[in-house]
Amino acid sequence: MERREEKNIEKASHLKHEKLSNITGSGSGILNDVDSFYTFPENNNEIEYCSGTACFVSRFRDPSLFGLAEKSEKKTYCLGKCYLGPASSNKNGEPNIEVKSSAAIVLENIVNGPLRDIKDYSNTGGFLALKNAIAMNREEVVGTIKDSMLRGRGGAGFPTGVKWESVLTQSSDRKYVVVNADEGDAGAYIDKVIMEYDPFKLLEGTVIAGYASGSSTGYIYIRREYPEAVSTILGAIQSMNENGFLGRNILGSDFSFDLHVVVGKGSYVCGEETAMLRAIEGRRPEVSVRPPYPTENGLFNMPTVIDNVETLANVPWILTKGADKFKDLGFSKSRGTKAVSLNSLFKRPGLYEIDPGMSLEDLIFEIGGGLKEGNVSGVIIGGPLAGIVTPDKFSTKLGYEEMHAIGASLGHGGVIAFDEHTSMHELIENVSTFVAFESCGKCTPCRVGSRVIRDAFSARTNKSLSYDDYTDIVSTLKEASLCGLGTGLGDFLSSANTNFNREVRSCFA
C-alpha cells in the first residue's frame, strides 16, 4: 500500500468516523463490498438486544426482553453487559468491581471509582512508568517485560516481551502498535471497564509499547458496542496530546508517537488480529493465512505489535514496581494477576482481579457466591468458543496450561455459568448460530460446518445429521479452520460431546 493512501486512511481513522470512501477515493463498488461485510456499516440509533451466550443462558430471567433479541433481524452478540443479562443497549447498571488478588494491578485505580481526569491520574503516580521507560533504552524496556513473564491476556497467552522484541528487531522505517479492544466474547467486559474507568492506564501502556518496539504510530480498534469507551478514550487521547504525553517529542525526548481510534462496525471476526488489521486498512476484514505474522508483516505490511487492553494495562505497574514483583504473583507459567468477569447467573456477578492458581471452585462459589438459583451445569471460560468445564473439574487451578489440560481455556477471562434452564441441545444451537452468523466465509470448515450444525440443532429431532457426521465436522473444524472462530467452535462442540455425551447423542435419535 502506498504511503499516500496509508496517510489518507489514517486521517479517516483519527477521531472522526467518516466513510472511507470520502477519504480514499475508492470506487463505490469496493466500498459497498467492504461495508456489506458488517452488520452495522452505518451508525445505529435503535435499541439493541443481546443474543450472546451469556444473555442466552439467562433468558429465563427476562423472557420478554430476550424475545426481542430473538426477533432482531440484525444480531448483536455482546453488549458488554453480561452482569445484567439478558441485556439491551438501554438497560443500565454498573458491575460490581473487587480486587481479590494479592496485589491490585489492572483494577488498582478502578476499584476506587473512575479515574478519567489526567490530573487525577498523574496525582496517583500515572505516567511515572512512561518516564521510567523513556529513561531506559528500548532493549531494557523489552527485557523488563520479558523478565516479568507477562503473557497476552486476550486468550492466546503469548509472551508479551517476545512479541515486542520481534518488532523491535525488524528492519523497517515504520512500525505500528495496534490495541485489540474488540472484546467480542460473550461473558467478557474486562476491557470495556478498563477503557471507561481507567483510560490513561491503557494509553500509557500503549505508548510504552510504542517506545519499546520502535513504533511511531498506534491504533486502538474499539468495538462499536462500546460507545462510552470510544468517547472516553478519545477524550483521554486529546488530554495526553495537550499535556505532552502523546505526539511530538514526548516528555521532551526524541520519541514521538501518535495514537488513533478506529471504531468497528459490527463483526466478531475483527477480533482476530489479521482481520482487524484489514479492517483498519479499510479492506474487507477477512482472516489471512499466517505466516507471515503481524510482528513481521502487519498493518500496512509493516512490523506490528498487537496487544489487547488488559495486557497493556499491566505494563505501567511492571515499569514502576519491577518485573520481579510482577513475576512473584501468580503461579506456574501464569504470572501476575488476571481479571475475570462473571455473568448474571452468579449471586455476585461482576469484575474481579484474582491470582492465577485459584481453583475454579473458589472462583465460582467463594467469589461468585454460586448461582442465584439452580445448580451449575458447567462453565465456559473465555467463551463461548471454548471447552466446557463441568463440576467434577472445578478443582482445576486457573492457569493457561492447567485449563488447556482439561480441554478448556483461560481465554480472555469471561466466565459464563449455565444451569438446568439450558439444555446442551439449546446451547449448541445458540453457539453454532452465533458462529454461522459471524463467520467471514474465508474457509470452508467454518463457513459450511457452522451452518450444518446450526441447521441440524435448530430442529428438535435431528434427522439430517448422524452422530458420526457430527464428530467428523467437529474434527474438521478443529483441524482445518483458518482462525479461532472455527477452531473454537470445534473445541466447544468436542467438549460438549465429551462432557455431555448422552445428551448430545440423544439429539441424533
Protein backbone atom coordinates (compact mmCIF):
# COMPACT_ATOMS: atom_id res chain seq x y z
CA MET A 1 0.00 0.00 0.00
CA GLU A 2 1.32 3.41 -0.94
CA ARG A 3 2.25 5.79 1.86
CA ARG A 4 -0.18 8.39 0.50
CA GLU A 5 -3.11 6.01 0.73
CA GLU A 6 -1.97 4.96 4.20
CA LYS A 7 -1.98 8.56 5.35
CA ASN A 8 -5.46 9.05 3.93
CA ILE A 9 -6.77 6.05 5.83
CA GLU A 10 -5.03 7.25 8.99
CA LYS A 11 -6.84 10.55 8.55
CA ALA A 12 -10.14 8.69 8.24
CA SER A 13 -9.41 6.67 11.36
CA HIS A 14 -8.29 9.56 13.55
CA LEU A 15 -11.00 10.78 15.92
CA LYS A 16 -13.66 11.05 13.22
CA HIS A 17 -15.72 8.21 11.88
CA GLU A 18 -16.13 9.36 8.31
CA LYS A 19 -16.72 6.91 5.50
CA LEU A 20 -13.53 5.65 3.94
CA SER A 21 -14.98 6.41 0.51
CA ASN A 22 -14.72 10.12 1.27
CA ILE A 23 -11.03 9.76 2.11
CA THR A 24 -9.52 7.10 -0.12
CA GLY A 25 -11.44 7.83 -3.27
CA SER A 26 -12.21 4.14 -3.65
CA GLY A 27 -14.97 3.20 -6.04
CA SER A 28 -18.43 2.73 -4.60
CA GLY A 29 -18.42 -0.93 -5.59
CA ILE A 30 -15.34 -1.59 -3.49
CA LEU A 31 -16.71 0.31 -0.52
CA ASN A 32 -20.05 -1.44 -0.77
CA ASP A 33 -18.23 -4.76 -0.79
CA VAL A 34 -16.39 -3.75 2.40
CA ASP A 35 -19.46 -2.38 4.15
CA SER A 36 -21.54 -5.39 3.18
CA PHE A 37 -19.31 -7.49 5.42
CA TYR A 38 -20.51 -5.71 8.56
CA THR A 39 -23.74 -5.98 10.48
CA PHE A 40 -23.84 -2.25 11.22
CA PRO A 41 -21.92 -0.37 8.50
CA GLU A 42 -23.81 2.78 9.48
CA ASN A 43 -24.48 4.22 12.92
CA ASN A 44 -27.47 2.54 14.50
CA ASN A 45 -29.61 4.61 16.85
CA GLU A 46 -32.09 1.87 17.59
CA ILE A 47 -32.19 -0.11 20.82
CA GLU A 48 -30.18 -3.32 20.52
CA TYR A 49 -30.88 -6.57 22.34
CA CYS A 50 -28.10 -9.01 23.10
CA SER A 51 -28.26 -12.50 21.59
CA GLY A 52 -24.91 -13.61 23.04
CA THR A 53 -24.43 -16.79 25.02
CA ALA A 54 -24.19 -15.05 28.41
CA CYS A 55 -27.59 -13.48 27.83
CA PHE A 56 -28.98 -16.64 26.24
CA VAL A 57 -28.33 -18.77 29.33
CA SER A 58 -30.03 -16.11 31.47
CA ARG A 59 -33.02 -15.69 29.14
CA PHE A 60 -35.40 -17.21 31.69
CA ARG A 61 -34.81 -14.23 33.97
CA ASP A 62 -36.50 -11.90 31.46
CA PRO A 63 -38.06 -13.90 28.62
CA SER A 64 -39.77 -10.90 27.03
CA LEU A 65 -36.53 -8.94 26.74
CA PHE A 66 -34.59 -11.85 25.28
CA GLY A 67 -37.51 -12.47 22.95
CA LEU A 68 -36.77 -9.10 21.39
CA ALA A 69 -33.21 -10.27 20.74
CA GLU A 70 -34.53 -13.39 19.01
CA LYS A 71 -36.77 -11.24 16.80
CA SER A 72 -33.99 -8.81 15.83
CA GLU A 73 -33.00 -9.11 12.18
CA LYS A 74 -29.56 -7.64 12.84
CA LYS A 75 -28.00 -9.56 15.68
CA THR A 76 -25.83 -8.10 18.42
CA TYR A 77 -23.88 -10.85 20.14
CA CYS A 78 -22.46 -8.98 23.11
CA LEU A 79 -23.03 -5.54 24.61
CA GLY A 80 -20.51 -5.95 27.43
CA LYS A 81 -23.32 -6.00 29.97
CA CYS A 82 -23.18 -9.70 30.80
CA TYR A 83 -23.62 -8.90 34.50
CA LEU A 84 -27.11 -7.58 33.66
CA GLY A 85 -28.13 -10.37 31.27
CA PRO A 86 -30.33 -10.62 29.41
CA ALA A 87 -29.16 -7.18 28.32
CA SER A 88 -30.12 -4.41 25.96
CA SER A 89 -28.38 -1.20 24.97
CA ASN A 90 -30.77 0.85 27.10
CA LYS A 91 -30.55 -1.38 30.17
CA ASN A 92 -28.18 0.37 32.55
CA GLY A 93 -26.26 -0.63 35.63
CA GLU A 94 -22.68 -0.77 36.86
CA PRO A 95 -20.86 -4.04 37.58
CA ASN A 96 -19.58 -4.95 40.99
CA ILE A 97 -15.79 -4.47 40.94
CA GLU A 98 -13.46 -6.01 43.53
CA VAL A 99 -9.80 -6.89 43.96
CA LYS A 100 -9.34 -10.44 45.26
CA SER A 101 -5.68 -10.79 44.29
CA SER A 102 -2.53 -10.38 46.36
CA ALA A 103 -1.86 -7.06 44.62
CA ALA A 104 -4.08 -4.75 42.63
CA ILE A 105 -2.71 -4.16 39.13
CA VAL A 106 -5.32 -3.70 36.40
CA LEU A 107 -8.06 -2.71 38.87
CA GLU A 108 -5.76 -0.66 41.10
CA ASN A 109 -7.45 2.63 40.20
CA ILE A 110 -10.81 1.30 39.06
CA VAL A 111 -11.75 -0.28 42.37
CA ASN A 112 -11.96 3.22 43.89
CA GLY A 113 -14.10 4.57 41.08
CA PRO A 114 -13.48 6.03 37.61
CA LEU A 115 -10.21 7.89 37.02
CA ARG A 116 -10.88 9.84 33.86
CA ASP A 117 -9.12 13.14 34.58
CA ILE A 118 -5.48 13.37 33.53
CA LYS A 119 -4.51 15.40 36.61
CA ASP A 120 -6.07 12.84 38.93
CA TYR A 121 -4.27 10.07 37.08
CA SER A 122 -0.96 11.89 37.34
CA ASN A 123 -1.50 12.51 41.05
CA THR A 124 -1.85 8.75 41.66
CA GLY A 125 1.51 8.03 40.04
CA GLY A 126 0.30 7.98 36.47
CA PHE A 127 2.90 8.42 33.71
CA LEU A 128 5.77 7.56 36.06
CA ALA A 129 6.12 4.29 34.14
CA LEU A 130 6.36 6.19 30.85
CA LYS A 131 9.04 8.46 32.32
CA ASN A 132 10.92 5.40 33.55
CA ALA A 133 10.67 3.75 30.14
CA ILE A 134 11.94 6.75 28.19
CA ALA A 135 14.90 6.98 30.59
CA MET A 136 15.85 3.42 29.56
CA ASN A 137 16.91 2.19 26.16
CA ARG A 138 14.37 0.18 24.19
CA GLU A 139 16.13 -3.13 24.75
CA GLU A 140 15.99 -2.58 28.53
CA VAL A 141 12.25 -1.96 28.44
CA VAL A 142 11.70 -5.09 26.35
CA GLY A 143 13.94 -7.04 28.74
CA THR A 144 11.89 -5.87 31.72
CA ILE A 145 8.65 -7.04 30.13
CA LYS A 146 10.24 -10.36 29.20
CA ASP A 147 11.58 -10.82 32.73
CA SER A 148 8.12 -10.16 34.20
CA MET A 149 6.70 -13.16 32.29
CA LEU A 150 3.68 -11.10 31.24
CA ARG A 151 1.60 -13.06 28.76
CA GLY A 152 -1.14 -11.80 26.48
CA ARG A 153 -4.47 -11.54 28.28
CA GLY A 154 -6.54 -11.82 25.12
CA GLY A 155 -6.63 -15.60 25.03
CA ALA A 156 -3.52 -16.96 23.34
CA GLY A 157 -1.20 -16.22 26.27
CA PHE A 158 1.80 -15.42 24.07
CA PRO A 159 4.74 -13.81 25.96
CA THR A 160 4.35 -10.06 25.54
CA GLY A 161 8.05 -9.21 25.72
CA VAL A 162 8.90 -11.71 23.00
CA LYS A 163 6.35 -10.07 20.71
CA TRP A 164 7.75 -6.59 21.39
CA GLU A 165 11.29 -7.83 20.82
CA SER A 166 10.32 -9.35 17.49
CA VAL A 167 9.02 -6.00 16.23
CA LEU A 168 11.96 -4.05 17.67
CA THR A 169 14.48 -6.22 15.82
CA GLN A 170 12.73 -5.88 12.44
CA SER A 171 14.47 -3.67 9.88
CA SER A 172 11.80 -1.17 8.93
CA ASP A 173 11.44 2.59 8.99
CA ARG A 174 7.79 2.27 10.05
CA LYS A 175 6.31 0.13 12.78
CA TYR A 176 2.93 0.12 14.48
CA VAL A 177 1.17 -0.74 17.72
CA VAL A 178 -2.42 -1.94 17.48
CA VAL A 179 -4.60 -2.27 20.56
CA ASN A 180 -7.20 -5.00 20.21
CA ALA A 181 -10.20 -3.53 22.02
CA ASP A 182 -12.67 -5.64 20.04
CA GLU A 183 -13.78 -7.56 23.11
CA GLY A 184 -16.50 -9.61 21.47
CA ASP A 185 -16.52 -12.78 23.57
CA ALA A 186 -19.83 -13.17 25.37
CA GLY A 187 -19.23 -13.08 29.12
CA ALA A 188 -16.31 -10.65 28.91
CA TYR A 189 -16.47 -6.97 29.85
CA ILE A 190 -12.97 -6.54 31.26
CA ASP A 191 -11.60 -4.29 28.53
CA LYS A 192 -14.81 -2.25 28.49
CA VAL A 193 -14.44 -1.37 32.16
CA ILE A 194 -10.73 -0.57 31.83
CA MET A 195 -11.36 1.80 28.91
CA GLU A 196 -14.31 3.51 30.55
CA TYR A 197 -12.94 3.75 34.09
CA ASP A 198 -9.14 3.99 33.71
CA PRO A 199 -8.33 5.07 30.14
CA PHE A 200 -4.93 6.61 30.86
CA LYS A 201 -3.52 3.36 32.21
CA LEU A 202 -4.27 1.66 28.89
CA LEU A 203 -2.91 4.59 26.89
CA GLU A 204 0.26 4.82 28.98
CA GLY A 205 0.88 1.12 28.41
CA THR A 206 0.29 1.63 24.70
CA VAL A 207 2.79 4.48 24.43
CA ILE A 208 5.37 2.39 26.32
CA ALA A 209 4.77 -0.46 23.85
CA GLY A 210 5.36 2.01 21.04
CA TYR A 211 8.62 3.20 22.54
CA ALA A 212 9.88 -0.30 23.33
CA SER A 213 9.11 -1.68 19.87
CA GLY A 214 10.41 1.32 17.95
CA SER A 215 6.95 2.25 16.67
CA SER A 216 5.76 5.76 15.89
CA THR A 217 2.02 5.22 15.39
CA GLY A 218 -0.68 3.32 17.21
CA TYR A 219 -4.29 2.39 16.55
CA ILE A 220 -6.95 1.37 19.03
CA TYR A 221 -9.66 -0.74 17.41
CA ILE A 222 -12.75 -0.46 19.63
CA ARG A 223 -15.94 -2.38 19.01
CA ARG A 224 -18.98 -0.26 18.17
CA GLU A 225 -20.98 -1.81 21.01
CA TYR A 226 -18.86 0.22 23.47
CA PRO A 227 -19.79 3.87 22.68
CA GLU A 228 -18.89 5.10 26.18
CA ALA A 229 -15.45 3.53 25.84
CA VAL A 230 -14.96 5.21 22.47
CA SER A 231 -15.77 8.69 23.79
CA THR A 232 -13.71 8.18 26.95
CA ILE A 233 -10.63 7.02 25.02
CA LEU A 234 -10.94 9.86 22.51
CA GLY A 235 -11.10 12.40 25.32
CA ALA A 236 -8.11 10.82 27.07
CA ILE A 237 -6.05 10.86 23.86
CA GLN A 238 -6.80 14.56 23.43
CA SER A 239 -5.73 15.26 27.03
CA MET A 240 -2.47 13.36 26.57
CA ASN A 241 -1.70 15.26 23.38
CA GLU A 242 -2.34 18.55 25.15
CA ASN A 243 -0.09 17.60 28.07
CA GLY A 244 2.90 16.23 26.21
CA PHE A 245 2.31 12.51 26.74
CA LEU A 246 1.46 11.92 23.08
CA GLY A 247 2.58 13.49 19.83
CA ARG A 248 5.94 15.02 19.06
CA ASN A 249 8.91 14.72 21.44
CA ILE A 250 7.08 13.09 24.32
CA LEU A 251 8.27 14.41 27.70
CA GLY A 252 11.00 16.36 25.94
CA SER A 253 12.58 13.25 24.43
CA ASP A 254 13.28 12.40 20.81
CA PHE A 255 10.45 9.86 20.90
CA SER A 256 7.25 10.76 19.05
CA PHE A 257 4.10 8.66 18.96
CA ASP A 258 0.64 9.33 17.52
CA LEU A 259 -2.43 7.38 18.53
CA HIS A 260 -5.70 7.00 16.62
CA VAL A 261 -9.05 5.33 17.23
CA VAL A 262 -10.89 3.12 14.76
CA VAL A 263 -14.44 2.06 15.63
CA GLY A 264 -15.79 -1.29 14.48
CA LYS A 265 -18.98 -1.78 12.51
CA GLY A 266 -20.28 -4.99 13.99
CA SER A 267 -18.16 -8.05 13.31
CA TYR A 268 -16.91 -10.59 15.83
CA VAL A 269 -14.20 -11.86 13.49
CA CYS A 270 -12.49 -8.45 13.59
CA GLY A 271 -11.17 -9.52 16.98
CA GLU A 272 -8.89 -11.89 15.05
CA GLU A 273 -5.68 -9.98 14.51
CA THR A 274 -5.30 -10.31 10.74
CA ALA A 275 -8.96 -9.43 10.14
CA MET A 276 -8.56 -6.44 12.46
CA LEU A 277 -5.58 -5.16 10.50
CA ARG A 278 -7.55 -5.38 7.26
CA ALA A 279 -10.43 -3.51 8.92
CA ILE A 280 -8.12 -0.68 9.99
CA GLU A 281 -6.74 -0.51 6.46
CA GLY A 282 -10.26 -0.13 5.09
CA ARG A 283 -10.32 -3.51 3.41
CA ARG A 284 -12.82 -6.33 3.73
CA PRO A 285 -11.85 -7.86 7.10
CA GLU A 286 -11.39 -11.49 6.19
CA VAL A 287 -8.88 -13.62 8.05
CA SER A 288 -5.44 -14.00 6.44
CA VAL A 289 -3.20 -17.04 6.44
CA ARG A 290 -0.19 -16.94 8.79
CA PRO A 291 2.81 -16.85 8.48
CA PRO A 292 3.91 -14.18 7.95
CA TYR A 293 2.90 -12.97 11.39
CA PRO A 294 1.99 -9.36 12.18
CA THR A 295 5.28 -8.83 14.01
CA GLU A 296 6.95 -9.20 10.61
CA ASN A 297 4.23 -8.13 8.20
CA GLY A 298 1.30 -6.46 9.90
CA LEU A 299 -0.53 -3.17 9.47
CA PHE A 300 0.17 -1.66 6.05
CA ASN A 301 2.61 -4.59 5.60
CA MET A 302 4.84 -3.24 8.36
CA PRO A 303 6.01 -4.86 11.64
CA THR A 304 3.21 -4.52 14.18
CA VAL A 305 2.70 -5.18 17.88
CA ILE A 306 -0.86 -6.30 18.64
CA ASP A 307 -1.89 -6.49 22.29
CA ASN A 308 -5.26 -6.45 23.97
CA VAL A 309 -6.41 -3.88 26.52
CA GLU A 310 -5.81 -5.85 29.71
CA THR A 311 -2.32 -6.86 28.60
CA LEU A 312 -1.26 -3.24 28.13
CA ALA A 313 -2.94 -2.18 31.39
CA ASN A 314 -0.39 -4.37 33.21
CA VAL A 315 2.60 -2.58 31.70
CA PRO A 316 2.68 0.64 33.81
CA TRP A 317 2.67 -1.43 37.04
CA ILE A 318 5.61 -3.52 35.82
CA LEU A 319 7.63 -0.43 34.84
CA THR A 320 7.10 1.16 38.25
CA LYS A 321 7.09 -1.81 40.65
CA GLY A 322 9.52 -4.00 38.74
CA ALA A 323 9.49 -7.27 36.81
CA ASP A 324 10.36 -9.38 39.85
CA LYS A 325 7.37 -8.17 41.87
CA PHE A 326 5.06 -8.99 38.99
CA LYS A 327 6.64 -12.39 38.46
CA ASP A 328 6.26 -13.18 42.18
CA LEU A 329 2.48 -13.06 41.73
CA GLY A 330 0.53 -15.95 40.26
CA PHE A 331 1.83 -19.47 39.81
CA SER A 332 3.34 -21.89 37.28
CA LYS A 333 3.63 -20.15 33.90
CA SER A 334 0.75 -17.78 34.67
CA ARG A 335 2.29 -14.80 36.44
CA GLY A 336 0.88 -11.53 37.68
CA THR A 337 -2.86 -11.27 38.22
CA LYS A 338 -5.88 -11.91 35.98
CA ALA A 339 -9.15 -10.05 35.66
CA VAL A 340 -12.24 -12.22 35.33
CA SER A 341 -15.84 -11.22 34.67
CA LEU A 342 -18.82 -13.25 35.88
CA ASN A 343 -22.18 -13.41 34.14
CA SER A 344 -25.56 -12.53 35.60
CA LEU A 345 -26.50 -16.01 36.86
CA PHE A 346 -23.98 -15.69 39.70
CA LYS A 347 -25.15 -14.31 43.02
CA ARG A 348 -22.30 -11.80 42.79
CA PRO A 349 -21.78 -11.08 39.10
CA GLY A 350 -19.05 -8.57 38.36
CA LEU A 351 -15.42 -7.90 37.60
CA TYR A 352 -12.74 -9.36 39.87
CA GLU A 353 -8.96 -9.32 39.87
CA ILE A 354 -7.65 -12.66 41.10
CA ASP A 355 -4.40 -14.57 41.50
CA PRO A 356 -3.76 -17.26 38.89
CA GLY A 357 -3.67 -20.55 40.76
CA MET A 358 -7.06 -20.02 42.38
CA SER A 359 -9.31 -23.04 41.88
CA LEU A 360 -12.41 -22.79 39.75
CA GLU A 361 -14.41 -23.91 42.76
CA ASP A 362 -13.24 -20.91 44.78
CA LEU A 363 -13.93 -18.57 41.89
CA ILE A 364 -17.44 -19.91 41.34
CA PHE A 365 -18.59 -20.37 44.93
CA GLU A 366 -16.42 -18.10 47.10
CA ILE A 367 -16.09 -15.08 44.84
CA GLY A 368 -19.18 -15.57 42.66
CA GLY A 369 -21.29 -16.92 45.52
CA GLY A 370 -22.65 -19.74 43.39
CA LEU A 371 -25.78 -19.21 41.31
CA LYS A 372 -28.81 -17.12 42.21
CA GLU A 373 -30.93 -20.22 41.67
CA GLY A 374 -30.48 -23.72 40.35
CA ASN A 375 -27.32 -25.77 40.10
CA VAL A 376 -24.25 -25.17 37.98
CA SER A 377 -24.28 -27.49 34.96
CA GLY A 378 -20.98 -26.13 33.72
CA VAL A 379 -18.98 -23.01 32.99
CA ILE A 380 -17.34 -21.73 29.83
CA ILE A 381 -14.32 -19.50 30.39
CA GLY A 382 -13.10 -17.23 27.62
CA GLY A 383 -16.16 -18.41 25.76
CA PRO A 384 -18.37 -19.25 24.16
CA LEU A 385 -15.80 -20.71 21.75
CA ALA A 386 -14.02 -22.83 24.32
CA GLY A 387 -14.35 -26.09 26.20
CA ILE A 388 -17.00 -26.55 28.88
CA VAL A 389 -15.81 -27.20 32.42
CA THR A 390 -18.14 -29.47 34.41
CA PRO A 391 -18.39 -29.57 38.23
CA ASP A 392 -16.15 -32.65 38.51
CA LYS A 393 -13.25 -30.49 37.25
CA PHE A 394 -13.85 -27.43 39.43
CA SER A 395 -10.74 -28.26 41.48
CA THR A 396 -8.63 -27.21 38.48
CA LYS A 397 -6.43 -24.17 39.08
CA LEU A 398 -6.85 -21.16 36.86
CA GLY A 399 -3.81 -21.02 34.62
CA TYR A 400 -3.09 -21.18 30.90
CA GLU A 401 -1.62 -24.68 30.78
CA GLU A 402 -3.82 -26.05 33.57
CA MET A 403 -7.06 -25.10 31.82
CA HIS A 404 -5.77 -26.40 28.49
CA ALA A 405 -5.01 -29.74 30.14
CA ILE A 406 -8.72 -30.29 30.86
CA GLY A 407 -9.81 -29.28 27.36
CA ALA A 408 -10.79 -25.75 28.38
CA SER A 409 -9.29 -22.28 28.21
CA LEU A 410 -8.48 -19.30 30.39
CA GLY A 411 -9.12 -17.17 27.35
CA HIS A 412 -10.00 -13.56 27.88
CA GLY A 413 -11.38 -14.24 31.35
CA GLY A 414 -15.12 -14.04 30.82
CA VAL A 415 -16.93 -16.70 32.86
CA ILE A 416 -20.32 -17.95 31.67
CA ALA A 417 -22.11 -20.28 34.05
CA PHE A 418 -25.23 -22.13 32.91
CA ASP A 419 -27.76 -24.27 34.75
CA GLU A 420 -30.62 -26.66 34.12
CA HIS A 421 -32.61 -23.96 32.31
CA THR A 422 -30.33 -24.54 29.30
CA SER A 423 -30.01 -27.97 27.70
CA MET A 424 -26.94 -28.96 25.74
CA HIS A 425 -29.07 -29.11 22.60
CA GLU A 426 -30.09 -25.48 23.13
CA LEU A 427 -26.56 -24.36 23.97
CA ILE A 428 -25.11 -25.97 20.84
CA GLU A 429 -27.81 -24.32 18.75
CA ASN A 430 -27.03 -20.90 20.24
CA VAL A 431 -23.25 -21.14 19.82
CA SER A 432 -23.34 -22.59 16.31
CA THR A 433 -25.88 -19.96 15.24
CA PHE A 434 -23.52 -17.28 16.53
CA VAL A 435 -20.57 -18.70 14.57
CA ALA A 436 -22.63 -19.14 11.40
CA PHE A 437 -23.73 -15.50 11.67
CA GLU A 438 -20.23 -14.15 12.33
CA SER A 439 -18.14 -16.35 10.01
CA CYS A 440 -16.14 -14.32 7.49
CA GLY A 441 -16.63 -17.12 4.95
CA LYS A 442 -12.94 -17.36 4.07
CA CYS A 443 -12.55 -21.04 4.97
CA THR A 444 -14.92 -23.89 4.20
CA PRO A 445 -14.88 -25.68 7.58
CA CYS A 446 -16.15 -22.64 9.45
CA ARG A 447 -18.45 -21.29 6.73
CA VAL A 448 -20.15 -24.61 5.99
CA GLY A 449 -19.61 -26.56 9.19
CA SER A 450 -21.16 -23.92 11.46
CA ARG A 451 -24.27 -23.76 9.27
CA VAL A 452 -24.67 -27.52 9.09
CA ILE A 453 -24.52 -27.77 12.88
CA ARG A 454 -26.84 -24.80 13.29
CA ASP A 455 -29.43 -26.18 10.91
CA ALA A 456 -29.24 -29.64 12.44
CA PHE A 457 -29.72 -28.44 16.02
CA SER A 458 -32.45 -25.96 15.16
CA ALA A 459 -34.75 -28.96 14.77
CA ARG A 460 -35.95 -30.74 17.91
CA THR A 461 -35.43 -34.15 16.35
CA ASN A 462 -32.37 -34.39 14.16
CA LYS A 463 -32.92 -36.46 11.04
CA SER A 464 -30.49 -34.70 8.71
CA LEU A 465 -27.26 -35.41 10.56
CA SER A 466 -25.85 -38.54 12.15
CA TYR A 467 -23.69 -38.70 15.23
CA ASP A 468 -20.74 -39.76 13.06
CA ASP A 469 -21.37 -36.75 10.82
CA TYR A 470 -21.27 -34.56 13.92
CA THR A 471 -17.90 -35.92 15.08
CA ASP A 472 -16.46 -35.62 11.56
CA ILE A 473 -17.49 -31.97 11.35
CA VAL A 474 -16.04 -31.29 14.79
CA SER A 475 -12.69 -32.78 13.77
CA THR A 476 -12.64 -30.77 10.55
CA LEU A 477 -13.44 -27.54 12.38
CA LYS A 478 -10.62 -28.10 14.85
CA GLU A 479 -8.01 -29.18 12.32
CA ALA A 480 -8.71 -27.14 9.21
CA SER A 481 -10.32 -23.83 10.19
CA LEU A 482 -8.35 -20.72 9.38
CA CYS A 483 -8.83 -18.92 12.71
CA GLY A 484 -10.14 -19.24 16.24
CA LEU A 485 -13.77 -18.79 15.23
CA GLY A 486 -13.88 -22.18 13.54
CA THR A 487 -11.39 -23.96 15.79
CA GLY A 488 -13.14 -22.52 18.84
CA LEU A 489 -16.47 -23.88 17.67
CA GLY A 490 -14.76 -27.24 17.20
CA ASP A 491 -13.37 -27.07 20.74
CA PHE A 492 -16.79 -26.23 22.14
CA LEU A 493 -18.58 -28.98 20.23
CA SER A 494 -15.90 -31.53 21.12
CA SER A 495 -16.16 -30.59 24.79
CA ALA A 496 -19.95 -30.82 24.66
CA ASN A 497 -19.64 -34.31 23.22
CA THR A 498 -17.11 -35.38 25.85
CA ASN A 499 -18.82 -33.93 28.90
CA PHE A 500 -22.47 -34.31 27.87
CA ASN A 501 -22.20 -37.32 25.58
CA ARG A 502 -25.54 -38.87 26.44
CA GLU A 503 -27.36 -35.59 25.86
CA VAL A 504 -25.52 -34.96 22.58
CA ARG A 505 -26.15 -38.49 21.32
CA SER A 506 -29.84 -38.15 22.12
CA CYS A 507 -30.05 -35.37 19.55
CA PHE A 508 -29.39 -37.93 16.81
CA ALA A 509 -32.03 -40.47 17.75
